[in-house]
Amino acid sequence: LQADICLHLNRNLLNNCSAFEAASPGCLRAL
């Protein structure tokens, strides 16, 4: 649940920053 909340809190960064473009969903959750 923490991972889902964190994904939501960091969504703009993870969606918009080109460095994270190739990251898998699992990788994005870990980040």
PDB file of all heavy atoms in Angstrom:
ATOM      1  N   LEU A   1       0.840  -1.195   0.000  1.00  0.00           N
ATOM      2  CA  LEU A   1       0.000   0.000   0.000  1.00  0.00           C
ATOM      3  C   LEU A   1       0.882   1.253   0.000  1.00  0.00           C
ATOM      4  O   LEU A   1       0.582   2.236  -0.687  1.00  0.00           O
ATOM      5  CB  LEU A   1      -0.926  -0.027   1.221  1.00  0.00           C
ATOM      6  CG  LEU A   1      -2.100   0.948   1.242  1.00  0.00           C
ATOM      7  CD1 LEU A   1      -2.901   0.888  -0.054  1.00  0.00           C
ATOM      8  CD2 LEU A   1      -3.017   0.624   2.410  1.00  0.00           C
ATOM      9  N   GLN A   2       1.979   1.208   0.756  1.00  0.00           N
ATOM     10  CA  GLN A   2       2.932   2.324   0.754  1.00  0.00           C
ATOM     11  C   GLN A   2       3.403   2.611  -0.668  1.00  0.00           C
ATOM     12  O   GLN A   2       3.489   3.755  -1.088  1.00  0.00           O
ATOM     13  CB  GLN A   2       4.168   1.995   1.600  1.00  0.00           C
ATOM     14  CG  GLN A   2       3.955   2.113   3.093  1.00  0.00           C
ATOM     15  CD  GLN A   2       5.265   1.889   3.841  1.00  0.00           C
ATOM     16  OE1 GLN A   2       6.322   2.315   3.396  1.00  0.00           O
ATOM     17  NE2 GLN A   2       5.193   1.227   4.974  1.00  0.00           N
ATOM     18  N   ALA A   3       3.712   1.557  -1.410  1.00  0.00           N
ATOM     19  CA  ALA A   3       4.223   1.726  -2.771  1.00  0.00           C
ATOM     20  C   ALA A   3       3.192   2.430  -3.643  1.00  0.00           C
ATOM     21  O   ALA A   3       3.533   3.325  -4.420  1.00  0.00           O
ATOM     22  CB  ALA A   3       4.602   0.372  -3.374  1.00  0.00           C
ATOM     23  N   ASP A   4       1.921   2.043  -3.493  1.00  0.00           N
ATOM     24  CA  ASP A   4       0.871   2.680  -4.293  1.00  0.00           C
ATOM     25  C   ASP A   4       0.694   4.146  -3.919  1.00  0.00           C
ATOM     26  O   ASP A   4       0.499   4.998  -4.778  1.00  0.00           O
ATOM     27  CB  ASP A   4      -0.467   1.940  -4.121  1.00  0.00           C
ATOM     28  CG  ASP A   4      -0.465   0.603  -4.861  1.00  0.00           C
ATOM     29  OD1 ASP A   4       0.365   0.452  -5.788  1.00  0.00           O
ATOM     30  OD2 ASP A   4      -1.255  -0.275  -4.512  1.00  0.00           O
ATOM     31  N   ILE A   5       0.767   4.439  -2.599  1.00  0.00           N
ATOM     32  CA  ILE A   5       0.632   5.827  -2.150  1.00  0.00           C
ATOM     33  C   ILE A   5       1.813   6.642  -2.674  1.00  0.00           C
ATOM     34  O   ILE A   5       1.641   7.746  -3.203  1.00  0.00           O
ATOM     35  CB  ILE A   5       0.571   5.905  -0.600  1.00  0.00           C
ATOM     36  CG1 ILE A   5      -0.674   5.163  -0.071  1.00  0.00           C
ATOM     37  CG2 ILE A   5       0.535   7.360  -0.143  1.00  0.00           C
ATOM     38  CD1 ILE A   5      -0.629   4.890   1.429  1.00  0.00           C
ATOM     39  N   CYS A   6       3.017   6.076  -2.544  1.00  0.00           N
ATOM     40  CA  CYS A   6       4.220   6.785  -3.008  1.00  0.00           C
ATOM     41  C   CYS A   6       4.185   7.003  -4.513  1.00  0.00           C
ATOM     42  O   CYS A   6       4.600   8.052  -5.006  1.00  0.00           O
ATOM     43  CB  CYS A   6       5.481   6.029  -2.619  1.00  0.00           C
ATOM     44  SG  CYS A   6       5.777   6.058  -0.844  1.00  0.00           S
ATOM     45  N   LEU A   7       3.700   6.015  -5.242  1.00  0.00           N
ATOM     46  CA  LEU A   7       3.570   6.165  -6.696  1.00  0.00           C
ATOM     47  C   LEU A   7       2.694   7.366  -7.004  1.00  0.00           C
ATOM     48  O   LEU A   7       2.992   8.170  -7.888  1.00  0.00           O
ATOM     49  CB  LEU A   7       2.938   4.917  -7.326  1.00  0.00           C
ATOM     50  CG  LEU A   7       3.870   3.890  -7.942  1.00  0.00           C
ATOM     51  CD1 LEU A   7       3.060   2.734  -8.504  1.00  0.00           C
ATOM     52  CD2 LEU A   7       4.739   4.505  -9.031  1.00  0.00           C
ATOM     53  N   HIS A   8       1.592   7.471  -6.265  1.00  0.00           N
ATOM     54  CA  HIS A   8       0.671   8.593  -6.474  1.00  0.00           C
ATOM     55  C   HIS A   8       1.359   9.921  -6.131  1.00  0.00           C
ATOM     56  O   HIS A   8       1.274  10.889  -6.883  1.00  0.00           O
ATOM     57  CB  HIS A   8      -0.586   8.413  -5.629  1.00  0.00           C
ATOM     58  CG  HIS A   8      -1.504   9.587  -5.692  1.00  0.00           C
ATOM     59  ND1 HIS A   8      -2.298   9.850  -6.793  1.00  0.00           N
ATOM     60  CD2 HIS A   8      -1.722  10.596  -4.821  1.00  0.00           C
ATOM     61  CE1 HIS A   8      -2.965  10.974  -6.588  1.00  0.00           C
ATOM     62  NE2 HIS A   8      -2.643  11.444  -5.391  1.00  0.00           N
ATOM     63  N   LEU A   9       2.083   9.965  -4.996  1.00  0.00           N
ATOM     64  CA  LEU A   9       2.730  11.208  -4.554  1.00  0.00           C
ATOM     65  C   LEU A   9       3.831  11.650  -5.523  1.00  0.00           C
ATOM     66  O   LEU A   9       4.089  12.840  -5.662  1.00  0.00           O
ATOM     67  CB  LEU A   9       3.319  11.036  -3.152  1.00  0.00           C
ATOM     68  CG  LEU A   9       2.332  10.768  -2.009  1.00  0.00           C
ATOM     69  CD1 LEU A   9       3.071  10.525  -0.708  1.00  0.00           C
ATOM     70  CD2 LEU A   9       1.348  11.928  -1.855  1.00  0.00           C
ATOM     71  N   ASN A  10       4.480  10.674  -6.164  1.00  0.00           N
ATOM     72  CA  ASN A  10       5.601  10.996  -7.051  1.00  0.00           C
ATOM     73  C   ASN A  10       5.237  10.876  -8.529  1.00  0.00           C
ATOM     74  O   ASN A  10       6.120  10.900  -9.388  1.00  0.00           O
ATOM     75  CB  ASN A  10       6.781  10.048  -6.749  1.00  0.00           C
ATOM     76  CG  ASN A  10       7.354  10.267  -5.368  1.00  0.00           C
ATOM     77  OD1 ASN A  10       7.859  11.329  -5.053  1.00  0.00           O
ATOM     78  ND2 ASN A  10       7.259   9.260  -4.519  1.00  0.00           N
ATOM     79  N   ARG A  11       3.923  10.740  -8.820  1.00  0.00           N
ATOM     80  CA  ARG A  11       3.515  10.392 -10.175  1.00  0.00           C
ATOM     81  C   ARG A  11       3.986  11.395 -11.234  1.00  0.00           C
ATOM     82  O   ARG A  11       4.420  10.993 -12.310  1.00  0.00           O
ATOM     83  CB  ARG A  11       1.999  10.193 -10.265  1.00  0.00           C
ATOM     84  CG  ARG A  11       1.166  11.457 -10.038  1.00  0.00           C
ATOM     85  CD  ARG A  11      -0.307  11.137  -9.837  1.00  0.00           C
ATOM     86  NE  ARG A  11      -1.096  12.356  -9.643  1.00  0.00           N
ATOM     87  CZ  ARG A  11      -1.109  13.051  -8.512  1.00  0.00           C
ATOM     88  NH1 ARG A  11      -0.363  12.686  -7.494  1.00  0.00           N
ATOM     89  NH2 ARG A  11      -1.845  14.153  -8.414  1.00  0.00           N
ATOM     90  N   ASN A  12       3.911  12.707 -10.906  1.00  0.00           N
ATOM     91  CA  ASN A  12       4.292  13.698 -11.912  1.00  0.00           C
ATOM     92  C   ASN A  12       5.757  13.553 -12.290  1.00  0.00           C
ATOM     93  O   ASN A  12       6.112  13.595 -13.462  1.00  0.00           O
ATOM     94  CB  ASN A  12       4.018  15.123 -11.419  1.00  0.00           C
ATOM     95  CG  ASN A  12       2.519  15.375 -11.304  1.00  0.00           C
ATOM     96  OD1 ASN A  12       1.723  14.683 -11.944  1.00  0.00           O
ATOM     97  ND2 ASN A  12       2.137  16.334 -10.481  1.00  0.00           N
ATOM     98  N   LEU A  13       6.581  13.370 -11.276  1.00  0.00           N
ATOM     99  CA  LEU A  13       8.010  13.215 -11.524  1.00  0.00           C
ATOM    100  C   LEU A  13       8.267  11.966 -12.364  1.00  0.00           C
ATOM    101  O   LEU A  13       8.951  12.022 -13.385  1.00  0.00           O
ATOM    102  CB  LEU A  13       8.757  13.100 -10.193  1.00  0.00           C
ATOM    103  CG  LEU A  13      10.221  12.681 -10.295  1.00  0.00           C
ATOM    104  CD1 LEU A  13      11.044  13.732 -11.020  1.00  0.00           C
ATOM    105  CD2 LEU A  13      10.804  12.437  -8.913  1.00  0.00           C
ATOM    106  N   LEU A  14       7.709  10.841 -11.931  1.00  0.00           N
ATOM    107  CA  LEU A  14       8.002   9.576 -12.595  1.00  0.00           C
ATOM    108  C   LEU A  14       7.415   9.525 -14.006  1.00  0.00           C
ATOM    109  O   LEU A  14       7.965   8.873 -14.889  1.00  0.00           O
ATOM    110  CB  LEU A  14       7.508   8.406 -11.745  1.00  0.00           C
ATOM    111  CG  LEU A  14       8.221   8.276 -10.386  1.00  0.00           C
ATOM    112  CD1 LEU A  14       7.535   7.254  -9.497  1.00  0.00           C
ATOM    113  CD2 LEU A  14       9.690   7.918 -10.554  1.00  0.00           C
ATOM    114  N   ASN A  15       6.295  10.239 -14.236  1.00  0.00           N
ATOM    115  CA  ASN A  15       5.684  10.242 -15.577  1.00  0.00           C
ATOM    116  C   ASN A  15       6.349  11.219 -16.525  1.00  0.00           C
ATOM    117  O   ASN A  15       6.388  10.997 -17.727  1.00  0.00           O
ATOM    118  CB  ASN A  15       4.190  10.615 -15.507  1.00  0.00           C
ATOM    119  CG  ASN A  15       3.384   9.531 -14.822  1.00  0.00           C
ATOM    120  OD1 ASN A  15       3.819   8.385 -14.757  1.00  0.00           O
ATOM    121  ND2 ASN A  15       2.226   9.901 -14.300  1.00  0.00           N
ATOM    122  N   ASN A  16       6.851  12.343 -15.993  1.00  0.00           N
ATOM    123  CA  ASN A  16       7.300  13.425 -16.870  1.00  0.00           C
ATOM    124  C   ASN A  16       8.801  13.477 -17.085  1.00  0.00           C
ATOM    125  O   ASN A  16       9.266  14.116 -18.015  1.00  0.00           O
ATOM    126  CB  ASN A  16       6.855  14.786 -16.315  1.00  0.00           C
ATOM    127  CG  ASN A  16       5.341  14.860 -16.168  1.00  0.00           C
ATOM    128  OD1 ASN A  16       4.621  14.109 -16.824  1.00  0.00           O
ATOM    129  ND2 ASN A  16       4.860  15.723 -15.288  1.00  0.00           N
ATOM    130  N   CYS A  17       9.571  12.855 -16.194  1.00  0.00           N
ATOM    131  CA  CYS A  17      11.023  12.965 -16.296  1.00  0.00           C
ATOM    132  C   CYS A  17      11.538  11.858 -17.211  1.00  0.00           C
ATOM    133  O   CYS A  17      11.277  10.675 -16.972  1.00  0.00           O
ATOM    134  CB  CYS A  17      11.645  12.861 -14.909  1.00  0.00           C
ATOM    135  SG  CYS A  17      13.433  12.942 -14.940  1.00  0.00           S
ATOM    136  N   SER A  18      12.270  12.251 -18.268  1.00  0.00           N
ATOM    137  CA  SER A  18      12.680  11.286 -19.292  1.00  0.00           C
ATOM    138  C   SER A  18      13.566  10.166 -18.723  1.00  0.00           C
ATOM    139  O   SER A  18      13.611   9.068 -19.272  1.00  0.00           O
ATOM    140  CB  SER A  18      13.415  12.001 -20.421  1.00  0.00           C
ATOM    141  OG  SER A  18      14.556  12.667 -19.910  1.00  0.00           O
ATOM    142  N   ALA A  19      14.251  10.445 -17.617  1.00  0.00           N
ATOM    143  CA  ALA A  19      15.132   9.427 -17.034  1.00  0.00           C
ATOM    144  C   ALA A  19      14.363   8.168 -16.619  1.00  0.00           C
ATOM    145  O   ALA A  19      14.924   7.073 -16.576  1.00  0.00           O
ATOM    146  CB  ALA A  19      15.877  10.005 -15.838  1.00  0.00           C
ATOM    147  N   PHE A  20      13.054   8.317 -16.327  1.00  0.00           N
ATOM    148  CA  PHE A  20      12.277   7.177 -15.830  1.00  0.00           C
ATOM    149  C   PHE A  20      11.404   6.528 -16.911  1.00  0.00           C
ATOM    150  O   PHE A  20      10.638   5.617 -16.619  1.00  0.00           O
ATOM    151  CB  PHE A  20      11.401   7.614 -14.643  1.00  0.00           C
ATOM    152  CG  PHE A  20      12.194   8.240 -13.531  1.00  0.00           C
ATOM    153  CD1 PHE A  20      12.044   9.584 -13.224  1.00  0.00           C
ATOM    154  CD2 PHE A  20      13.112   7.496 -12.808  1.00  0.00           C
ATOM    155  CE1 PHE A  20      12.794  10.179 -12.213  1.00  0.00           C
ATOM    156  CE2 PHE A  20      13.860   8.073 -11.795  1.00  0.00           C
ATOM    157  CZ  PHE A  20      13.707   9.411 -11.491  1.00  0.00           C
ATOM    158  N   GLU A  21      11.539   7.007 -18.153  1.00  0.00           N
ATOM    159  CA  GLU A  21      10.659   6.546 -19.230  1.00  0.00           C
ATOM    160  C   GLU A  21      10.679   5.031 -19.423  1.00  0.00           C
ATOM    161  O   GLU A  21       9.645   4.418 -19.637  1.00  0.00           O
ATOM    162  CB  GLU A  21      11.048   7.228 -20.549  1.00  0.00           C
ATOM    163  CG  GLU A  21       9.950   8.120 -21.087  1.00  0.00           C
ATOM    164  CD  GLU A  21      10.460   9.072 -22.162  1.00  0.00           C
ATOM    165  OE1 GLU A  21      11.101   8.605 -23.117  1.00  0.00           O
ATOM    166  OE2 GLU A  21      10.224  10.285 -22.022  1.00  0.00           O
ATOM    167  N   ALA A  22      11.867   4.433 -19.357  1.00  0.00           N
ATOM    168  CA  ALA A  22      11.979   3.003 -19.661  1.00  0.00           C
ATOM    169  C   ALA A  22      11.743   2.107 -18.448  1.00  0.00           C
ATOM    170  O   ALA A  22      11.860   0.886 -18.543  1.00  0.00           O
ATOM    171  CB  ALA A  22      13.358   2.720 -20.250  1.00  0.00           C
ATOM    172  N   ALA A  23      11.400   2.707 -17.309  1.00  0.00           N
ATOM    173  CA  ALA A  23      11.239   1.906 -16.096  1.00  0.00           C
ATOM    174  C   ALA A  23       9.968   1.068 -16.138  1.00  0.00           C
ATOM    175  O   ALA A  23       8.908   1.540 -16.541  1.00  0.00           O
ATOM    176  CB  ALA A  23      11.220   2.819 -14.873  1.00  0.00           C
ATOM    177  N   SER A  24      10.082  -0.187 -15.713  1.00  0.00           N
ATOM    178  CA  SER A  24       8.917  -1.068 -15.625  1.00  0.00           C
ATOM    179  C   SER A  24       8.060  -0.634 -14.433  1.00  0.00           C
ATOM    180  O   SER A  24       8.551   0.074 -13.545  1.00  0.00           O
ATOM    181  CB  SER A  24       9.387  -2.503 -15.409  1.00  0.00           C
ATOM    182  OG  SER A  24      10.032  -2.595 -14.152  1.00  0.00           O
ATOM    183  N   PRO A  25       6.783  -1.068 -14.397  1.00  0.00           N
ATOM    184  CA  PRO A  25       5.948  -0.728 -13.236  1.00  0.00           C
ATOM    185  C   PRO A  25       6.591  -1.135 -11.908  1.00  0.00           C
ATOM    186  O   PRO A  25       6.545  -0.378 -10.926  1.00  0.00           O
ATOM    187  CB  PRO A  25       4.662  -1.507 -13.488  1.00  0.00           C
ATOM    188  CG  PRO A  25       4.589  -1.652 -14.970  1.00  0.00           C
ATOM    189  CD  PRO A  25       6.011  -1.770 -15.446  1.00  0.00           C
ATOM    190  N   GLY A  26       7.228  -2.304 -11.866  1.00  0.00           N
ATOM    191  CA  GLY A  26       7.882  -2.759 -10.632  1.00  0.00           C
ATOM    192  C   GLY A  26       9.024  -1.842 -10.237  1.00  0.00           C
ATOM    193  O   GLY A  26       9.218  -1.533  -9.059  1.00  0.00           O
ATOM    194  N   CYS A  27       9.753  -1.399 -11.235  1.00  0.00           N
ATOM    195  CA  CYS A  27      10.880  -0.500 -11.003  1.00  0.00           C
ATOM    196  C   CYS A  27      10.375   0.851 -10.491  1.00  0.00           C
ATOM    197  O   CYS A  27      10.955   1.427  -9.567  1.00  0.00           O
ATOM    198  CB  CYS A  27      11.663  -0.344 -12.297  1.00  0.00           C
ATOM    199  SG  CYS A  27      13.098   0.716 -12.156  1.00  0.00           S
ATOM    200  N   LEU A  28       9.294   1.353 -11.074  1.00  0.00           N
ATOM    201  CA  LEU A  28       8.715   2.631 -10.638  1.00  0.00           C
ATOM    202  C   LEU A  28       8.225   2.542  -9.194  1.00  0.00           C
ATOM    203  O   LEU A  28       8.388   3.485  -8.417  1.00  0.00           O
ATOM    204  CB  LEU A  28       7.565   3.053 -11.554  1.00  0.00           C
ATOM    205  CG  LEU A  28       7.957   3.542 -12.954  1.00  0.00           C
ATOM    206  CD1 LEU A  28       6.719   3.795 -13.805  1.00  0.00           C
ATOM    207  CD2 LEU A  28       8.817   4.799 -12.877  1.00  0.00           C
ATOM    208  N   ARG A  29       7.655   1.396  -8.834  1.00  0.00           N
ATOM    209  CA  ARG A  29       7.187   1.212  -7.450  1.00  0.00           C
ATOM    210  C   ARG A  29       8.381   1.234  -6.501  1.00  0.00           C
ATOM    211  O   ARG A  29       8.343   1.890  -5.454  1.00  0.00           O
ATOM    212  CB  ARG A  29       6.429  -0.099  -7.299  1.00  0.00           C
ATOM    213  CG  ARG A  29       5.064  -0.094  -7.980  1.00  0.00           C
ATOM    214  CD  ARG A  29       4.499  -1.502  -8.080  1.00  0.00           C
ATOM    215  NE  ARG A  29       4.099  -2.018  -6.779  1.00  0.00           N
ATOM    216  CZ  ARG A  29       2.935  -1.747  -6.203  1.00  0.00           C
ATOM    217  NH1 ARG A  29       2.081  -0.952  -6.789  1.00  0.00           N
ATOM    218  NH2 ARG A  29       2.634  -2.260  -5.033  1.00  0.00           N
ATOM    219  N   ALA A  30       9.445   0.536  -6.883  1.00  0.00           N
ATOM    220  CA  ALA A  30      10.643   0.479  -6.042  1.00  0.00           C
ATOM    221  C   ALA A  30      11.254   1.873  -5.891  1.00  0.00           C
ATOM    222  O   ALA A  30      11.646   2.277  -4.796  1.00  0.00           O
ATOM    223  CB  ALA A  30      11.660  -0.487  -6.649  1.00  0.00           C
ATOM    224  N   LEU A  31      11.308   2.622  -6.994  1.00  0.00           N
ATOM    225  CA  LEU A  31      11.856   3.983  -6.950  1.00  0.00           C
ATOM    226  C   LEU A  31      11.003   4.889  -6.075  1.00  0.00           C
ATOM    227  O   LEU A  31      11.524   5.652  -5.257  1.00  0.00           O
ATOM    228  CB  LEU A  31      11.926   4.579  -8.357  1.00  0.00           C
ATOM    229  CG  LEU A  31      13.101   4.180  -9.235  1.00  0.00           C
ATOM    230  CD1 LEU A  31      12.827   4.598 -10.675  1.00  0.00           C
ATOM    231  CD2 LEU A  31      14.403   4.794  -8.737  1.00  0.00           C
TER     232      LEU A  31
END
